[in-house]
Amino acid sequence: MADYSITAVTRRVVYSGSAGTGPYNFSFPVLATGDIDVYKDTVKLTETTDYTVTLSATTGTGSVTLDSAASASNNITIVGARTLERTTDFVTAGSLLASSLNTELDSQTIFNQQVLEI
């Protein structure tokens, strides 16, 4: 899993009047490419079908490149969309790894930031 800070940032960016395929940058860190949703106006796009995501291994920030160009009248919106779930289960007398704790705490911070965007 990622080993970088989850900073206090808005987990949403909107590009208005930006024609072309991008790249459209986002400055909020994510843990995986699927942790964002991308909209062209009000239509939710699908990763690999409608766009690709490039992530920085050192910061978790990245960019989105559309497969089909946006027009100057389109709004492109990128929002944090990590699935709200707990995937780690710590058991009595089991291993308690720092990497597992970091991932769980990073996810909790991301979830809280996402809720603020609603």
C-alpha atoms as a PDB file:
ATOM      1  CA  MET A   1       0.000   0.000   0.000  1.00  0.00           C
ATOM      2  CA  ALA A   2       0.954   3.627  -0.308  1.00  0.00           C
ATOM      3  CA  ASP A   3       3.314   5.306   2.135  1.00  0.00           C
ATOM      4  CA  TYR A   4       2.625   9.038   1.933  1.00  0.00           C
ATOM      5  CA  SER A   5       0.766  11.651   3.941  1.00  0.00           C
ATOM      6  CA  ILE A   6      -2.963  12.107   3.554  1.00  0.00           C
ATOM      7  CA  THR A   7      -3.130  15.889   3.656  1.00  0.00           C
ATOM      8  CA  ALA A   8      -6.014  18.187   4.614  1.00  0.00           C
ATOM      9  CA  VAL A   9      -7.390  19.095   1.178  1.00  0.00           C
ATOM     10  CA  THR A  10     -10.699  19.328  -0.646  1.00  0.00           C
ATOM     11  CA  ARG A  11     -11.354  16.044  -2.428  1.00  0.00           C
ATOM     12  CA  ARG A  12     -12.993  17.661  -5.444  1.00  0.00           C
ATOM     13  CA  VAL A  13     -11.782  19.611  -8.458  1.00  0.00           C
ATOM     14  CA  VAL A  14     -13.915  21.026 -11.285  1.00  0.00           C
ATOM     15  CA  TYR A  15     -12.563  22.060 -14.673  1.00  0.00           C
ATOM     16  CA  SER A  16     -14.876  24.438 -16.544  1.00  0.00           C
ATOM     17  CA  GLY A  17     -14.395  25.250 -20.198  1.00  0.00           C
ATOM     18  CA  SER A  18     -11.325  23.047 -20.583  1.00  0.00           C
ATOM     19  CA  ALA A  19     -11.584  21.420 -23.993  1.00  0.00           C
ATOM     20  CA  GLY A  20      -9.516  18.360 -24.841  1.00  0.00           C
ATOM     21  CA  THR A  21      -8.588  15.056 -23.258  1.00  0.00           C
ATOM     22  CA  GLY A  22      -6.472  16.505 -20.444  1.00  0.00           C
ATOM     23  CA  PRO A  23      -4.575  15.664 -18.424  1.00  0.00           C
ATOM     24  CA  TYR A  24      -6.849  16.962 -15.664  1.00  0.00           C
ATOM     25  CA  ASN A  25      -4.842  17.074 -12.437  1.00  0.00           C
ATOM     26  CA  PHE A  26      -6.106  16.436  -8.923  1.00  0.00           C
ATOM     27  CA  SER A  27      -4.129  17.481  -5.845  1.00  0.00           C
ATOM     28  CA  PHE A  28      -5.770  15.265  -3.218  1.00  0.00           C
ATOM     29  CA  PRO A  29      -3.971  12.007  -2.431  1.00  0.00           C
ATOM     30  CA  VAL A  30      -5.662   8.671  -3.126  1.00  0.00           C
ATOM     31  CA  LEU A  31      -4.564   5.126  -2.377  1.00  0.00           C
ATOM     32  CA  ALA A  32      -5.641   3.573  -5.704  1.00  0.00           C
ATOM     33  CA  THR A  33      -6.819   4.702  -9.144  1.00  0.00           C
ATOM     34  CA  GLY A  34     -10.354   3.505  -8.360  1.00  0.00           C
ATOM     35  CA  ASP A  35     -10.595   5.910  -5.412  1.00  0.00           C
ATOM     36  CA  ILE A  36     -11.954   8.712  -7.612  1.00  0.00           C
ATOM     37  CA  ASP A  37     -15.069   9.321  -9.683  1.00  0.00           C
ATOM     38  CA  VAL A  38     -14.920  11.399 -12.850  1.00  0.00           C
ATOM     39  CA  TYR A  39     -17.910  13.221 -14.357  1.00  0.00           C
ATOM     40  CA  LYS A  40     -18.354  14.953 -17.691  1.00  0.00           C
ATOM     41  CA  ASP A  41     -21.111  17.407 -16.811  1.00  0.00           C
ATOM     42  CA  THR A  42     -23.540  15.129 -14.907  1.00  0.00           C
ATOM     43  CA  VAL A  43     -22.514  11.842 -16.560  1.00  0.00           C
ATOM     44  CA  LYS A  44     -20.343   9.555 -14.443  1.00  0.00           C
ATOM     45  CA  LEU A  45     -17.502   8.151 -16.536  1.00  0.00           C
ATOM     46  CA  THR A  46     -15.951   4.686 -16.232  1.00  0.00           C
ATOM     47  CA  GLU A  47     -12.248   4.103 -15.624  1.00  0.00           C
ATOM     48  CA  THR A  48     -10.474   2.300 -18.523  1.00  0.00           C
ATOM     49  CA  THR A  49     -13.545   2.763 -20.754  1.00  0.00           C
ATOM     50  CA  ASP A  50     -13.808   6.567 -20.633  1.00  0.00           C
ATOM     51  CA  TYR A  51     -10.576   7.678 -18.927  1.00  0.00           C
ATOM     52  CA  THR A  52      -7.236   6.588 -17.486  1.00  0.00           C
ATOM     53  CA  VAL A  53      -5.661   7.653 -14.211  1.00  0.00           C
ATOM     54  CA  THR A  54      -1.995   8.289 -13.546  1.00  0.00           C
ATOM     55  CA  LEU A  55      -0.862   8.393  -9.902  1.00  0.00           C
ATOM     56  CA  SER A  56       2.329   9.646  -8.302  1.00  0.00           C
ATOM     57  CA  ALA A  57       3.915   6.891  -6.217  1.00  0.00           C
ATOM     58  CA  THR A  58       5.335   9.481  -3.811  1.00  0.00           C
ATOM     59  CA  THR A  59       2.321  11.774  -3.216  1.00  0.00           C
ATOM     60  CA  GLY A  60      -0.797   9.836  -4.281  1.00  0.00           C
ATOM     61  CA  THR A  61      -1.924  12.800  -6.383  1.00  0.00           C
ATOM     62  CA  GLY A  62      -2.412  12.400 -10.094  1.00  0.00           C
ATOM     63  CA  SER A  63      -4.219  13.153 -13.292  1.00  0.00           C
ATOM     64  CA  VAL A  64      -7.046  11.921 -15.464  1.00  0.00           C
ATOM     65  CA  THR A  65      -6.863  11.656 -19.251  1.00  0.00           C
ATOM     66  CA  LEU A  66     -10.140  11.280 -21.127  1.00  0.00           C
ATOM     67  CA  ASP A  67     -10.497   8.834 -24.012  1.00  0.00           C
ATOM     68  CA  SER A  68     -12.949  11.194 -25.739  1.00  0.00           C
ATOM     69  CA  ALA A  69     -12.215  14.926 -25.714  1.00  0.00           C
ATOM     70  CA  ALA A  70     -14.340  17.346 -23.722  1.00  0.00           C
ATOM     71  CA  SER A  71     -15.679  20.454 -25.401  1.00  0.00           C
ATOM     72  CA  ALA A  72     -15.280  23.995 -24.084  1.00  0.00           C
ATOM     73  CA  SER A  73     -18.857  23.815 -22.758  1.00  0.00           C
ATOM     74  CA  ASN A  74     -18.218  20.690 -20.642  1.00  0.00           C
ATOM     75  CA  ASN A  75     -17.403  20.600 -16.941  1.00  0.00           C
ATOM     76  CA  ILE A  76     -15.009  17.856 -15.860  1.00  0.00           C
ATOM     77  CA  THR A  77     -15.352  17.008 -12.165  1.00  0.00           C
ATOM     78  CA  ILE A  78     -13.012  14.732 -10.226  1.00  0.00           C
ATOM     79  CA  VAL A  79     -14.075  13.696  -6.714  1.00  0.00           C
ATOM     80  CA  GLY A  80     -12.735  11.365  -4.064  1.00  0.00           C
ATOM     81  CA  ALA A  81     -14.748   8.154  -4.087  1.00  0.00           C
ATOM     82  CA  ARG A  82     -12.955   5.547  -2.005  1.00  0.00           C
ATOM     83  CA  THR A  83     -15.423   2.784  -1.175  1.00  0.00           C
ATOM     84  CA  LEU A  84     -16.563   3.144   2.435  1.00  0.00           C
ATOM     85  CA  GLU A  85     -15.549  -0.214   3.852  1.00  0.00           C
ATOM     86  CA  ARG A  86     -13.163  -1.706   6.358  1.00  0.00           C
ATOM     87  CA  THR A  87     -10.881  -4.278   4.769  1.00  0.00           C
ATOM     88  CA  THR A  88      -8.471  -4.916   7.660  1.00  0.00           C
ATOM     89  CA  ASP A  89      -9.327  -7.117  10.621  1.00  0.00           C
ATOM     90  CA  PHE A  90      -6.859  -7.217  13.502  1.00  0.00           C
ATOM     91  CA  VAL A  91      -7.054 -10.453  15.481  1.00  0.00           C
ATOM     92  CA  THR A  92      -5.988 -11.269  19.035  1.00  0.00           C
ATOM     93  CA  ALA A  93      -2.382 -12.498  19.140  1.00  0.00           C
ATOM     94  CA  GLY A  94      -2.045 -11.882  15.413  1.00  0.00           C
ATOM     95  CA  SER A  95       0.442  -9.683  13.568  1.00  0.00           C
ATOM     96  CA  LEU A  96      -0.051  -5.954  14.024  1.00  0.00           C
ATOM     97  CA  LEU A  97       1.886  -4.475  11.101  1.00  0.00           C
ATOM     98  CA  ALA A  98       2.583  -0.756  10.798  1.00  0.00           C
ATOM     99  CA  SER A  99       1.699  -0.900   7.084  1.00  0.00           C
ATOM    100  CA  SER A 100      -1.756  -2.313   7.905  1.00  0.00           C
ATOM    101  CA  LEU A 101      -2.354   0.335  10.562  1.00  0.00           C
ATOM    102  CA  ASN A 102      -1.219   3.110   8.208  1.00  0.00           C
ATOM    103  CA  THR A 103      -3.530   1.913   5.439  1.00  0.00           C
ATOM    104  CA  GLU A 104      -6.492   1.697   7.824  1.00  0.00           C
ATOM    105  CA  LEU A 105      -5.838   5.149   9.320  1.00  0.00           C
ATOM    106  CA  ASP A 106      -5.273   6.682   5.857  1.00  0.00           C
ATOM    107  CA  SER A 107      -8.589   5.210   4.736  1.00  0.00           C
ATOM    108  CA  GLN A 108     -10.385   6.640   7.770  1.00  0.00           C
ATOM    109  CA  THR A 109      -8.969  10.103   7.043  1.00  0.00           C
ATOM    110  CA  ILE A 110     -10.029   9.853   3.388  1.00  0.00           C
ATOM    111  CA  PHE A 111     -13.532   8.726   4.399  1.00  0.00           C
ATOM    112  CA  ASN A 112     -13.906  11.731   6.702  1.00  0.00           C
ATOM    113  CA  GLN A 113     -12.772  14.103   3.947  1.00  0.00           C
ATOM    114  CA  GLN A 114     -15.189  12.536   1.463  1.00  0.00           C
ATOM    115  CA  VAL A 115     -18.106  12.978   3.852  1.00  0.00           C
ATOM    116  CA  LEU A 116     -17.280  16.683   4.059  1.00  0.00           C
ATOM    117  CA  GLU A 117     -17.802  16.917   0.278  1.00  0.00           C
ATOM    118  CA  ILE A 118     -21.415  15.700   0.431  1.00  0.00           C
END
